[in-house]
Amino acid sequence: MRSVLIALALISAATPAAAELWPTASTGWRFAMTVPSGPGRQRYGYVDAEAHPPGGWIVTVTCGEESTTDGRVLSRYVGKGTSTRGASPGFGGQWDWRGGRLAGSFVITQSMKHPHELRLPGEFTAPECPRRGMGDLSTGD
């Protein structure tokens, strides 16, 4: 009986922690990730999200490649889609490029050990985007 009570206490303590992860469905956010893609170039991926209650976001995904020497954009692709939280800490979504061409999906992983961390691992599946790396989560302001 004592172990059952302890287990229930741990479960109930863990539930609010998951609900406290930011962003919530009522807030917007931005995730920005860049990774090297060759000499003098980097691939970028940005996800801009607007709250779309009750449980997700409408996202604009911008990916491409830019020069690291002068900042010139070498390629740029923009698409729209949706994002939600899953069972694990973090969130993800999918989008289509303009014109309706299926683009891909993204995942941003959060940690229950460090719930306020804003430098997070992310992955994109579209070849126009960075494949995986560390990115920055912000309010988008």
Protein backbone atom coordinates (compact mmCIF):
# COMPACT_ATOMS: atom_id res chain seq x y z
CA MET A 1 0.00 0.00 0.00
CA ARG A 2 2.78 2.39 0.90
CA SER A 3 4.51 1.82 -2.48
CA VAL A 4 1.23 2.45 -4.30
CA LEU A 5 0.85 5.80 -2.53
CA ILE A 6 4.43 6.74 -3.39
CA ALA A 7 3.87 5.79 -7.04
CA LEU A 8 0.68 7.86 -7.18
CA ALA A 9 2.47 10.82 -5.63
CA LEU A 10 5.26 10.58 -8.23
CA ILE A 11 2.79 10.32 -11.11
CA SER A 12 0.77 13.29 -9.93
CA ALA A 13 3.95 15.31 -9.39
CA ALA A 14 5.12 14.51 -12.94
CA THR A 15 1.85 15.50 -14.60
CA PRO A 16 2.02 19.24 -13.77
CA ALA A 17 5.67 19.36 -14.86
CA ALA A 18 4.70 18.23 -18.36
CA ALA A 19 1.96 20.85 -18.48
CA GLU A 20 4.50 23.55 -17.52
CA LEU A 21 6.71 23.11 -20.56
CA TRP A 22 6.80 26.24 -22.68
CA PRO A 23 5.51 27.00 -25.22
CA THR A 24 1.90 26.31 -24.43
CA ALA A 25 -0.87 26.06 -27.00
CA SER A 26 -1.88 29.64 -26.17
CA THR A 27 1.52 31.18 -26.98
CA GLY A 28 3.44 31.74 -30.17
CA TRP A 29 7.10 30.80 -30.60
CA ARG A 30 10.04 30.69 -33.01
CA PHE A 31 12.68 28.01 -33.53
CA ALA A 32 15.84 28.88 -35.47
CA MET A 33 18.51 26.38 -36.48
CA THR A 34 21.54 26.67 -38.77
CA VAL A 35 24.14 24.03 -39.66
CA PRO A 36 27.21 24.17 -41.92
CA SER A 37 26.49 22.88 -45.43
CA GLY A 38 29.79 23.44 -47.19
CA PRO A 39 32.62 25.95 -47.49
CA GLY A 40 31.21 29.41 -46.82
CA ARG A 41 27.60 28.17 -46.62
CA GLN A 42 25.06 27.15 -44.03
CA ARG A 43 21.62 25.60 -44.24
CA TYR A 44 18.92 27.31 -42.17
CA GLY A 45 15.52 26.28 -40.85
CA TYR A 46 13.07 28.59 -39.08
CA VAL A 47 9.68 27.67 -37.66
CA ASP A 48 7.38 30.56 -36.72
CA ALA A 49 4.29 29.46 -34.80
CA GLU A 50 1.02 31.18 -33.97
CA ALA A 51 -1.25 29.82 -31.26
CA HIS A 52 -4.12 27.75 -32.61
CA PRO A 53 -6.11 26.52 -29.58
CA PRO A 54 -7.19 24.14 -28.29
CA GLY A 55 -3.95 22.23 -28.66
CA GLY A 56 -1.52 23.35 -31.29
CA TRP A 57 -0.06 25.94 -33.59
CA ILE A 58 -0.21 27.11 -37.18
CA VAL A 59 3.39 27.24 -38.45
CA THR A 60 5.32 28.94 -41.21
CA VAL A 61 8.51 27.03 -42.05
CA THR A 62 11.33 28.78 -43.90
CA CYS A 63 14.38 26.81 -45.04
CA GLY A 64 17.25 27.24 -47.42
CA GLU A 65 20.91 28.01 -47.72
CA GLU A 66 22.87 31.22 -47.13
CA SER A 67 26.42 32.49 -47.42
CA THR A 68 28.35 32.68 -44.15
CA THR A 69 30.70 35.28 -45.60
CA ASP A 70 28.22 37.97 -46.63
CA GLY A 71 24.83 36.68 -45.37
CA ARG A 72 23.41 36.47 -48.89
CA VAL A 73 20.47 34.08 -49.21
CA LEU A 74 21.31 31.42 -51.79
CA SER A 75 17.97 29.59 -51.65
CA ARG A 76 14.70 30.10 -49.77
CA TYR A 77 11.62 27.89 -49.42
CA VAL A 78 8.52 28.83 -47.42
CA GLY A 79 5.63 26.62 -46.38
CA LYS A 80 2.64 26.42 -44.03
CA GLY A 81 1.51 23.66 -41.72
CA THR A 82 0.58 22.66 -38.20
CA SER A 83 2.36 21.67 -35.00
CA THR A 84 1.32 19.95 -31.76
CA ARG A 85 2.82 18.44 -28.63
CA GLY A 86 3.19 14.68 -28.51
CA ALA A 87 3.47 12.22 -25.65
CA SER A 88 7.19 12.86 -25.15
CA PRO A 89 8.60 16.22 -24.03
CA GLY A 90 8.81 18.41 -27.08
CA PHE A 91 6.70 19.11 -30.13
CA GLY A 92 6.70 18.68 -33.85
CA GLY A 93 4.73 19.27 -36.99
CA GLN A 94 4.47 19.00 -40.72
CA TRP A 95 4.07 21.43 -43.58
CA ASP A 96 3.71 21.82 -47.34
CA TRP A 97 5.76 24.18 -49.47
CA ARG A 98 3.96 26.94 -51.35
CA GLY A 99 2.18 25.47 -54.33
CA GLY A 100 1.08 22.42 -52.34
CA ARG A 101 4.24 20.34 -52.69
CA LEU A 102 4.63 18.09 -49.64
CA ALA A 103 7.66 19.26 -47.71
CA GLY A 104 8.29 17.31 -44.54
CA SER A 105 8.16 17.33 -40.79
CA PHE A 106 10.13 18.68 -37.87
CA VAL A 107 10.71 17.67 -34.25
CA ILE A 108 12.00 19.85 -31.42
CA THR A 109 13.02 17.90 -28.31
CA GLN A 110 12.71 19.29 -24.80
CA SER A 111 13.99 17.84 -21.52
CA MET A 112 12.04 17.38 -18.30
CA LYS A 113 15.38 17.67 -16.45
CA HIS A 114 15.93 21.14 -17.96
CA PRO A 115 12.42 22.42 -18.79
CA HIS A 116 13.50 26.06 -19.18
CA GLU A 117 16.32 25.32 -21.64
CA LEU A 118 15.90 27.28 -24.89
CA ARG A 119 18.85 25.79 -26.83
CA LEU A 120 17.28 22.56 -28.07
CA PRO A 121 17.95 19.71 -30.49
CA GLY A 122 15.83 19.78 -33.62
CA GLU A 123 15.37 17.76 -36.80
CA PHE A 124 13.83 18.48 -40.20
CA THR A 125 13.04 15.86 -42.85
CA ALA A 126 12.86 18.14 -45.92
CA PRO A 127 16.10 18.22 -47.94
CA GLU A 128 15.86 22.02 -48.22
CA CYS A 129 16.24 22.30 -44.41
CA PRO A 130 19.07 21.47 -42.02
CA ARG A 131 18.81 17.76 -41.17
CA ARG A 132 19.54 17.96 -37.44
CA GLY A 133 21.33 20.18 -34.98
CA MET A 134 20.91 22.55 -32.07
CA GLY A 135 18.55 25.48 -32.44
CA ASP A 136 17.14 28.33 -30.40
CA LEU A 137 13.56 28.52 -29.17
CA SER A 138 12.18 32.00 -28.50
CA THR A 139 8.96 33.98 -28.30
CA GLY A 140 9.61 35.24 -31.82
CA ASP A 141 9.57 38.87 -30.74
